[in-house]
């Protein structure tokens, strides 16, 4: 088992940030023209948006290249949601029916991550130094406390697979407690960076000076510190081509009943994506997620159209498959794949074809941003000025909501300082 390569830099003092404000003006002296972009001060303080934590997805205590031994281990209902750790999984008599498959995956993500106290300690992460540590806009039950952010490229997954559901169900029914709670159903591999929260962005001195954009996701203010989602983040660990996260799924009996009866949630909306017959299971899974994202675009578009007569002309574009498909790709990171059914296979003149089904989740906390991004995509594709006007209206609404949320979040902090 190969231990992951890490670069821990948690001990580096933040005093170096002050030096940045001194160095940059000095470097600019004597230049005939300063071409460095100077972003808006409010944008510097806030930084880009970071997606909320995914339901049931956690950081691993150690990153390695083969976590397959943990697939199918059960997590007791007695384990608190914020203390779930793969090492607390237990292999029961029914685990033998849970095998796994390796599937390709893709996507660039910047998200908050859930992690237990023991995992944070194992990774060398410190508890947040301030109250009100970030948790992301999407709350997942009571799993709202995290001061860890991960920016990564997803490359592949190990996915649990139950070939014989009848045998699995019989085992669960006959052995009391053998299938209680949840089990470890996926491991995610890729490359990326894990960040430690160091405080509010307003406490970081960026000197009003522009800096390099890090992959389009954050504003670097000096050294290993950058601003995102209104917080300052220090690089803690970098990783490359290892399994860094795992997902737990309900140990429900009945297989894929959610296809006909998607679960209900106060936190968001579930969609069932179905692929057309595809040459491989990986391709079928990808197409199933595309179908789910298309449904999200239809869902958002219909809501926008119903809000005002002036927005009714958006309806025609929602019937254009090409326009909708492109808009759906623009909100890909906001639609989460929860679980997949085993792919169905059919014979064809061209060989075996695979059909996949996915249960996808769209958090309500992502809705306002996704609405604006979707309409922006349609406006860019069509050049329709009326759609552009709708985009501007949605941008204003989004800005007002963010300003209100910022005022609300700042109030308790001010009160604490007065005390």
Protein backbone atom coordinates (compact mmCIF):
# COMPACT_ATOMS: atom_id res chain seq x y z
CA UNK A 1 0.00 0.00 0.00
CA UNK A 2 1.57 3.27 -1.12
CA UNK A 3 1.31 6.19 1.27
CA UNK A 4 0.40 9.44 -0.42
CA UNK A 5 2.98 12.16 -1.02
CA UNK A 6 2.23 15.19 1.10
CA UNK A 7 3.55 18.68 1.47
CA UNK A 8 2.61 19.95 4.91
CA UNK A 9 3.07 23.61 5.45
CA UNK A 10 0.83 24.32 8.38
CA UNK A 11 3.55 25.84 10.49
CA UNK A 12 4.49 28.66 8.15
CA UNK A 13 3.77 32.00 9.84
CA UNK A 14 1.29 34.37 8.28
CA UNK A 15 3.64 37.24 8.96
CA UNK A 16 4.92 36.82 5.42
CA UNK A 17 1.66 38.28 4.17
CA UNK A 18 2.64 41.71 5.37
CA UNK A 19 5.83 41.47 3.34
CA UNK A 20 3.80 41.01 0.14
CA UNK A 21 2.30 44.48 0.43
CA UNK A 22 5.82 45.93 0.74
CA UNK A 23 7.42 43.98 -2.12
CA UNK A 24 4.85 44.51 -4.87
CA UNK A 25 4.91 48.35 -4.85
CA UNK A 26 8.70 48.23 -4.86
CA UNK A 27 8.71 45.97 -7.90
CA UNK A 28 6.37 48.33 -9.73
CA UNK A 29 8.56 51.41 -9.23
CA UNK A 30 10.20 52.58 -12.40
CA UNK A 31 7.82 50.77 -14.74
CA UNK A 32 6.21 52.92 -17.40
CA UNK A 33 2.94 51.03 -17.13
CA UNK A 34 1.54 48.69 -14.52
CA UNK A 35 -0.51 46.03 -16.34
CA UNK A 36 -1.34 44.02 -13.24
CA UNK A 37 -5.10 43.79 -12.85
CA UNK A 38 -6.47 45.46 -9.75
CA UNK A 39 -9.71 43.69 -8.82
CA UNK A 40 -12.47 45.29 -6.87
CA UNK A 41 -11.72 45.43 -3.13
CA UNK A 42 -14.99 43.70 -2.28
CA UNK A 43 -14.14 40.88 -4.69
CA UNK A 44 -10.75 40.47 -3.02
CA UNK A 45 -12.35 40.24 0.40
CA UNK A 46 -14.92 37.67 -0.66
CA UNK A 47 -13.13 35.61 -3.30
CA UNK A 48 -14.90 32.99 -5.41
CA UNK A 49 -17.67 30.70 -4.27
CA UNK A 50 -16.84 27.30 -2.73
CA UNK A 51 -19.41 24.51 -3.09
CA UNK A 52 -20.98 23.03 0.02
CA UNK A 53 -20.01 19.64 1.39
CA UNK A 54 -21.49 16.65 -0.42
CA UNK A 55 -23.79 14.41 1.55
CA UNK A 56 -22.03 11.31 2.82
CA UNK A 57 -18.59 12.21 1.41
CA UNK A 58 -15.61 12.42 3.77
CA UNK A 59 -11.86 12.89 3.70
CA UNK A 60 -9.74 9.83 4.40
CA UNK A 61 -7.34 9.65 7.33
CA UNK A 62 -4.53 8.64 4.97
CA UNK A 63 -4.40 8.76 1.19
CA UNK A 64 -3.19 5.69 -0.72
CA UNK A 65 -3.50 3.81 -4.00
CA UNK A 66 -5.67 0.84 -2.96
CA UNK A 67 -8.47 1.24 -0.38
CA UNK A 68 -10.51 -1.66 -1.77
CA UNK A 69 -10.35 -3.59 1.52
CA UNK A 70 -12.74 -1.03 3.04
CA UNK A 71 -15.47 -1.33 0.41
CA UNK A 72 -18.60 -2.89 1.91
CA UNK A 73 -17.70 -2.23 5.54
CA UNK A 74 -20.66 -1.05 7.61
CA UNK A 75 -20.80 2.11 9.71
CA UNK A 76 -22.89 1.69 12.85
CA UNK A 77 -25.88 4.02 13.34
CA UNK A 78 -24.27 4.89 16.69
CA UNK A 79 -21.40 6.72 14.97
CA UNK A 80 -22.13 10.45 14.83
CA UNK A 81 -22.19 11.99 11.35
CA UNK A 82 -19.23 14.24 12.15
CA UNK A 83 -17.15 11.30 13.42
CA UNK A 84 -17.49 8.95 10.44
CA UNK A 85 -14.13 7.46 9.51
CA UNK A 86 -13.38 4.55 7.19
CA UNK A 87 -11.44 2.92 10.03
CA UNK A 88 -14.68 2.66 12.01
CA UNK A 89 -16.23 0.48 9.33
CA UNK A 90 -16.95 -3.13 10.29
CA UNK A 91 -16.99 -6.12 7.97
CA UNK A 92 -20.08 -8.25 8.61
CA UNK A 93 -21.30 -11.54 7.19
CA UNK A 94 -23.17 -9.60 4.50
CA UNK A 95 -20.11 -7.66 3.33
CA UNK A 96 -19.16 -10.66 1.19
CA UNK A 97 -21.95 -9.74 -1.25
CA UNK A 98 -20.55 -6.25 -1.80
CA UNK A 99 -17.77 -6.20 -4.37
CA UNK A 100 -16.45 -3.23 -6.30
CA UNK A 101 -15.64 -1.89 -9.74
CA UNK A 102 -13.17 0.74 -10.83
CA UNK A 103 -14.76 3.39 -13.04
CA UNK A 104 -13.32 6.47 -14.70
CA UNK A 105 -14.47 9.87 -13.46
CA UNK A 106 -13.74 13.46 -14.40
CA UNK A 107 -14.37 16.99 -13.23
CA UNK A 108 -12.75 19.91 -11.46
CA UNK A 109 -14.18 20.81 -8.06
CA UNK A 110 -13.61 23.26 -5.22
CA UNK A 111 -15.62 22.15 -2.18
CA UNK A 112 -15.88 22.08 1.57
CA UNK A 113 -15.21 18.62 2.96
CA UNK A 114 -16.49 16.79 5.99
CA UNK A 115 -13.87 15.11 8.15
CA UNK A 116 -13.90 13.59 11.62
CA UNK A 117 -11.79 14.84 14.50
CA UNK A 118 -9.49 11.84 14.21
CA UNK A 119 -9.01 12.41 10.47
CA UNK A 120 -8.11 16.07 11.02
CA UNK A 121 -5.57 14.99 13.63
CA UNK A 122 -4.13 12.34 11.31
CA UNK A 123 -3.72 14.91 8.54
CA UNK A 124 -2.18 17.46 10.89
CA UNK A 125 -5.06 19.93 10.64
CA UNK A 126 -5.80 22.23 13.54
CA UNK A 127 -9.29 23.16 14.83
CA UNK A 128 -10.56 26.52 13.52
CA UNK A 129 -9.03 29.39 15.42
CA UNK A 130 -12.23 31.46 15.28
CA UNK A 131 -15.92 30.95 15.84
CA UNK A 132 -18.22 30.59 12.87
CA UNK A 133 -15.84 28.51 10.75
CA UNK A 134 -17.07 28.02 7.18
CA UNK A 135 -19.37 25.18 6.34
CA UNK A 136 -20.49 25.99 2.81
CA UNK A 137 -23.93 27.11 1.73
CA UNK A 138 -25.36 23.61 1.42
CA UNK A 139 -26.15 22.17 4.82
CA UNK A 140 -26.34 18.39 5.03
CA UNK A 141 -28.41 17.41 8.03
CA UNK A 142 -26.33 18.32 11.05
CA UNK A 143 -23.06 17.96 9.15
CA UNK A 144 -22.32 21.66 8.91
CA UNK A 145 -19.00 22.04 10.71
CA UNK A 146 -15.91 21.89 8.56
CA UNK A 147 -12.87 24.07 8.25
CA UNK A 148 -11.40 22.03 5.40
CA UNK A 149 -11.56 22.89 1.71
CA UNK A 150 -10.37 20.68 -1.17
CA UNK A 151 -9.69 21.76 -4.74
CA UNK A 152 -9.19 18.73 -6.95
CA UNK A 153 -9.40 17.00 -10.31
CA UNK A 154 -11.40 13.79 -10.02
CA UNK A 155 -9.98 10.91 -12.09
CA UNK A 156 -11.54 7.61 -11.01
CA UNK A 157 -13.65 5.87 -8.40
CA UNK A 158 -13.96 2.51 -6.73
CA UNK A 159 -17.71 1.87 -6.62
CA UNK A 160 -19.46 -0.79 -4.55
CA UNK A 161 -21.36 -3.36 -6.60
CA UNK A 162 -23.91 -5.93 -5.45
CA UNK A 163 -24.26 -8.59 -8.10
CA UNK A 164 -26.74 -10.81 -6.27
CA UNK A 165 -29.31 -8.58 -4.58
CA UNK A 166 -31.45 -11.55 -3.56
CA UNK A 167 -28.58 -13.11 -1.60
CA UNK A 168 -27.64 -9.76 -0.08
CA UNK A 169 -31.23 -9.04 0.97
CA UNK A 170 -31.61 -12.53 2.44
CA UNK A 171 -28.43 -12.06 4.45
CA UNK A 172 -29.52 -8.68 5.78
CA UNK A 173 -32.94 -10.03 6.77
CA UNK A 174 -31.56 -13.09 8.53
CA UNK A 175 -28.68 -11.50 10.43
CA UNK A 176 -29.89 -8.86 12.86
CA UNK A 177 -27.76 -5.75 12.70
CA UNK A 178 -25.56 -7.05 9.88
CA UNK A 179 -26.74 -4.36 7.47
CA UNK A 180 -27.63 -1.56 9.87
CA UNK A 181 -26.71 2.04 9.24
CA UNK A 182 -24.56 2.77 6.22
CA UNK A 183 -21.71 1.11 4.38
CA UNK A 184 -18.66 2.42 2.56
CA UNK A 185 -19.73 2.48 -1.07
CA UNK A 186 -17.17 4.58 -2.95
CA UNK A 187 -13.58 5.82 -2.92
CA UNK A 188 -12.50 8.81 -5.01
CA UNK A 189 -9.07 9.27 -6.60
CA UNK A 190 -7.47 12.31 -8.16
CA UNK A 191 -5.01 15.12 -7.68
CA UNK A 192 -5.41 18.36 -5.83
CA UNK A 193 -4.79 20.51 -2.78
CA UNK A 194 -6.26 20.47 0.70
CA UNK A 195 -6.60 23.86 2.40
CA UNK A 196 -6.80 24.76 6.10
CA UNK A 197 -9.01 27.68 7.16
CA UNK A 198 -6.98 30.42 8.85
CA UNK A 199 -9.54 33.15 9.45
CA UNK A 200 -11.77 35.69 7.79
CA UNK A 201 -10.65 37.20 4.50
CA UNK A 202 -11.19 40.69 5.92
CA UNK A 203 -8.32 40.03 8.34
CA UNK A 204 -5.88 39.40 5.47
CA UNK A 205 -3.91 42.37 4.12
CA UNK A 206 -3.84 42.11 0.34
CA UNK A 207 -2.76 45.69 -0.21
CA UNK A 208 -5.31 46.19 -3.00
CA UNK A 209 -2.88 44.63 -5.42
CA UNK A 210 -3.82 42.13 -8.11
CA UNK A 211 -2.36 38.68 -8.00
CA UNK A 212 -2.28 35.47 -10.03
CA UNK A 213 -5.47 33.53 -10.54
CA UNK A 214 -5.11 29.95 -9.31
CA UNK A 215 -6.92 27.81 -11.84
CA UNK A 216 -9.77 30.30 -11.93
CA UNK A 217 -10.83 29.35 -8.44
CA UNK A 218 -9.16 31.61 -5.90
CA UNK A 219 -7.30 34.84 -5.34
CA UNK A 220 -3.76 34.37 -4.04
CA UNK A 221 -2.74 37.01 -1.52
CA UNK A 222 0.72 35.83 -0.59
CA UNK A 223 2.82 32.78 0.06
CA UNK A 224 0.58 29.77 0.49
CA UNK A 225 -2.52 31.75 1.49
CA UNK A 226 -5.47 32.58 -0.76
CA UNK A 227 -8.99 33.93 -0.38
CA UNK A 228 -12.14 32.00 -1.29
CA UNK A 229 -15.75 32.29 -0.12
CA UNK A 230 -14.88 35.14 2.24
CA UNK A 231 -12.23 33.15 4.13
CA UNK A 232 -8.45 32.94 4.09
CA UNK A 233 -7.03 29.51 3.28
CA UNK A 234 -3.53 28.08 3.71
CA UNK A 235 -2.28 25.20 1.58
CA UNK A 236 -1.91 22.21 3.89
CA UNK A 237 -1.46 19.12 1.70
CA UNK A 238 -1.01 18.42 -1.98
CA UNK A 239 -1.79 14.98 -3.40
CA UNK A 240 -1.47 13.27 -6.76
CA UNK A 241 -3.24 10.18 -8.15
CA UNK A 242 -4.32 8.74 -4.80
CA UNK A 243 -7.66 7.89 -3.19
CA UNK A 244 -8.35 10.85 -0.93
CA UNK A 245 -12.08 10.61 -0.12
CA UNK A 246 -14.80 8.06 0.50
CA UNK A 247 -18.58 8.02 0.41
CA UNK A 248 -20.99 6.16 2.65
CA UNK A 249 -24.39 5.05 1.35
CA UNK A 250 -27.50 3.78 3.08
CA UNK A 251 -27.44 0.04 3.67
CA UNK A 252 -30.99 -0.18 2.42
CA UNK A 253 -32.52 -3.44 1.28
CA UNK A 254 -34.24 -3.29 -2.06
CA UNK A 255 -31.51 -2.21 -4.41
CA UNK A 256 -32.57 0.58 -6.75
CA UNK A 257 -36.07 1.37 -5.55
CA UNK A 258 -35.16 5.06 -5.78
CA UNK A 259 -35.53 4.88 -9.58
CA UNK A 260 -39.31 4.92 -9.19
CA UNK A 261 -39.43 6.70 -5.82
CA UNK A 262 -36.65 9.30 -5.49
CA UNK A 263 -36.01 10.28 -1.86
CA UNK A 264 -37.26 13.58 -0.46
CA UNK A 265 -35.04 16.15 1.23
CA UNK A 266 -35.48 19.55 2.84
CA UNK A 267 -32.01 20.45 1.59
CA UNK A 268 -32.55 19.99 -2.14
CA UNK A 269 -34.10 18.13 -5.04
CA UNK A 270 -33.32 14.63 -6.32
CA UNK A 271 -33.28 13.72 -10.02
CA UNK A 272 -32.96 10.30 -11.66
CA UNK A 273 -30.76 10.42 -14.75
CA UNK A 274 -30.98 7.65 -17.36
CA UNK A 275 -28.52 7.05 -20.18
CA UNK A 276 -29.22 5.77 -23.69
CA UNK A 277 -27.51 2.45 -24.52
CA UNK A 278 -23.74 3.04 -24.56
CA UNK A 279 -20.64 1.09 -25.56
CA UNK A 280 -19.19 0.96 -22.02
CA UNK A 281 -20.46 1.33 -18.48
CA UNK A 282 -18.27 4.41 -17.93
CA UNK A 283 -19.81 6.15 -20.93
CA UNK A 284 -23.29 5.17 -19.75
CA UNK A 285 -22.66 6.69 -16.30
CA UNK A 286 -21.42 9.92 -17.86
CA UNK A 287 -24.48 10.15 -20.09
CA UNK A 288 -26.80 9.41 -17.16
CA UNK A 289 -25.34 12.37 -15.26
CA UNK A 290 -25.74 14.57 -18.33
CA UNK A 291 -29.39 13.58 -18.43
CA UNK A 292 -29.79 14.46 -14.75
CA UNK A 293 -28.17 17.88 -15.26
CA UNK A 294 -30.48 18.51 -18.22
CA UNK A 295 -33.43 17.86 -15.91
CA UNK A 296 -32.01 20.41 -13.46
CA UNK A 297 -31.84 23.03 -16.24
CA UNK A 298 -35.48 22.31 -17.14
CA UNK A 299 -36.44 22.55 -13.47
CA UNK A 300 -34.68 25.90 -13.02
CA UNK A 301 -35.91 27.29 -16.33
CA UNK A 302 -39.55 26.49 -15.65
CA UNK A 303 -39.30 28.21 -12.27
CA UNK A 304 -37.81 31.34 -13.86
CA UNK A 305 -40.48 31.45 -16.59
CA UNK A 306 -43.28 31.14 -14.04
CA UNK A 307 -42.04 34.13 -12.03
CA UNK A 308 -42.76 36.84 -14.58
CA UNK A 309 -44.45 37.36 -17.95
CA UNK A 310 -41.33 39.24 -19.10
CA UNK A 311 -39.33 36.04 -18.72
CA UNK A 312 -41.68 33.85 -20.76
CA UNK A 313 -39.49 34.01 -23.88
CA UNK A 314 -36.97 31.80 -22.11
CA UNK A 315 -39.39 28.89 -22.60
CA UNK A 316 -38.57 28.48 -26.29
CA UNK A 317 -34.88 27.91 -25.58
CA UNK A 318 -35.71 25.28 -22.96
CA UNK A 319 -37.08 23.18 -25.82
CA UNK A 320 -33.79 23.35 -27.76
CA UNK A 321 -31.79 20.23 -26.85
CA UNK A 322 -28.43 21.71 -27.87
CA UNK A 323 -28.93 24.91 -25.89
CA UNK A 324 -30.11 23.01 -22.82
CA UNK A 325 -27.24 20.49 -23.02
CA UNK A 326 -24.65 23.28 -23.13
CA UNK A 327 -26.29 25.11 -20.24
CA UNK A 328 -26.36 21.86 -18.26
CA UNK A 329 -22.59 21.45 -18.59
CA UNK A 330 -22.17 24.93 -17.14
CA UNK A 331 -23.76 23.88 -13.85
CA UNK A 332 -22.11 20.44 -13.72
CA UNK A 333 -20.24 21.05 -10.45
CA UNK A 334 -23.47 22.00 -8.67
CA UNK A 335 -25.27 18.70 -9.38
CA UNK A 336 -23.96 15.82 -7.26
CA UNK A 337 -24.09 12.14 -8.18
CA UNK A 338 -25.39 10.28 -5.12
CA UNK A 339 -25.42 6.67 -6.33
CA UNK A 340 -25.73 4.48 -9.40
CA UNK A 341 -27.70 1.36 -10.17
CA UNK A 342 -25.80 -1.57 -11.69
CA UNK A 343 -25.81 -0.97 -15.43
CA UNK A 344 -28.28 -2.98 -17.47
CA UNK A 345 -26.84 -4.81 -20.47
CA UNK A 346 -28.51 -5.59 -23.78
CA UNK A 347 -27.33 -7.38 -26.91
CA UNK A 348 -27.11 -5.40 -30.14
CA UNK A 349 -25.63 -5.94 -33.62
CA UNK A 350 -22.69 -3.79 -32.45
CA UNK A 351 -22.14 -5.81 -29.28
CA UNK A 352 -23.18 -5.40 -25.65
CA UNK A 353 -24.72 -2.05 -24.73
CA UNK A 354 -24.94 -0.56 -21.22
CA UNK A 355 -27.71 1.55 -19.72
CA UNK A 356 -26.98 3.40 -16.47
CA UNK A 357 -29.20 5.15 -13.93
CA UNK A 358 -27.99 7.70 -11.43
CA UNK A 359 -29.57 9.37 -8.42
CA UNK A 360 -28.40 12.99 -8.58
CA UNK A 361 -28.87 15.68 -5.94
CA UNK A 362 -29.22 19.42 -6.50
CA UNK A 363 -28.93 21.48 -3.27
CA UNK A 364 -31.32 24.39 -2.80
CA UNK A 365 -28.30 26.37 -1.61
CA UNK A 366 -26.91 26.23 -5.15
CA UNK A 367 -30.13 27.31 -6.86
CA UNK A 368 -29.66 31.07 -7.11
CA UNK A 369 -26.17 30.85 -8.58
CA UNK A 370 -27.15 28.02 -10.92
CA UNK A 371 -30.14 30.02 -12.24
CA UNK A 372 -27.92 32.93 -13.17
CA UNK A 373 -25.22 30.70 -14.70
CA UNK A 374 -27.79 28.79 -16.74
CA UNK A 375 -29.37 31.95 -18.18
CA UNK A 376 -25.92 33.42 -18.82
CA UNK A 377 -25.04 30.35 -20.89
CA UNK A 378 -28.26 30.61 -22.92
CA UNK A 379 -27.67 34.33 -23.52
CA UNK A 380 -24.13 33.66 -24.76
CA UNK A 381 -25.29 30.87 -27.06
CA UNK A 382 -28.18 32.76 -28.60
CA UNK A 383 -27.17 36.42 -28.43
CA UNK A 384 -30.75 37.20 -27.41
CA UNK A 385 -30.86 40.61 -25.69
CA UNK A 386 -34.06 39.71 -23.83
CA UNK A 387 -32.32 36.71 -22.27
CA UNK A 388 -29.35 38.94 -21.42
CA UNK A 389 -31.75 41.24 -19.57
CA UNK A 390 -33.06 38.28 -17.56
CA UNK A 391 -29.48 37.35 -16.69
CA UNK A 392 -28.84 40.87 -15.39
CA UNK A 393 -31.99 40.72 -13.26
CA UNK A 394 -30.91 37.39 -11.78
CA UNK A 395 -27.41 38.74 -11.09
CA UNK A 396 -28.92 41.65 -9.17
CA UNK A 397 -31.10 39.28 -7.15
CA UNK A 398 -28.10 37.07 -6.40
CA UNK A 399 -26.03 40.06 -5.29
CA UNK A 400 -28.80 41.29 -2.99
CA UNK A 401 -29.09 37.85 -1.40
CA UNK A 402 -25.32 37.60 -0.84
CA UNK A 403 -25.22 41.09 0.67
CA UNK A 404 -28.06 40.21 3.03
CA UNK A 405 -26.36 36.96 4.02
CA UNK A 406 -23.07 38.80 4.64
CA UNK A 407 -24.80 41.34 6.89
CA UNK A 408 -26.41 38.53 8.85
CA UNK A 409 -23.16 36.59 9.28
CA UNK A 410 -21.24 39.70 10.36
CA UNK A 411 -23.70 40.67 13.09
CA UNK A 412 -22.80 37.94 15.64
CA UNK A 413 -19.08 38.54 15.08
CA UNK A 414 -19.51 42.25 15.85
CA UNK A 415 -21.46 41.39 18.98
CA UNK A 416 -18.71 39.07 20.17
CA UNK A 417 -16.09 41.74 19.65
CA UNK A 418 -18.11 44.23 21.72
CA UNK A 419 -18.25 41.78 24.58
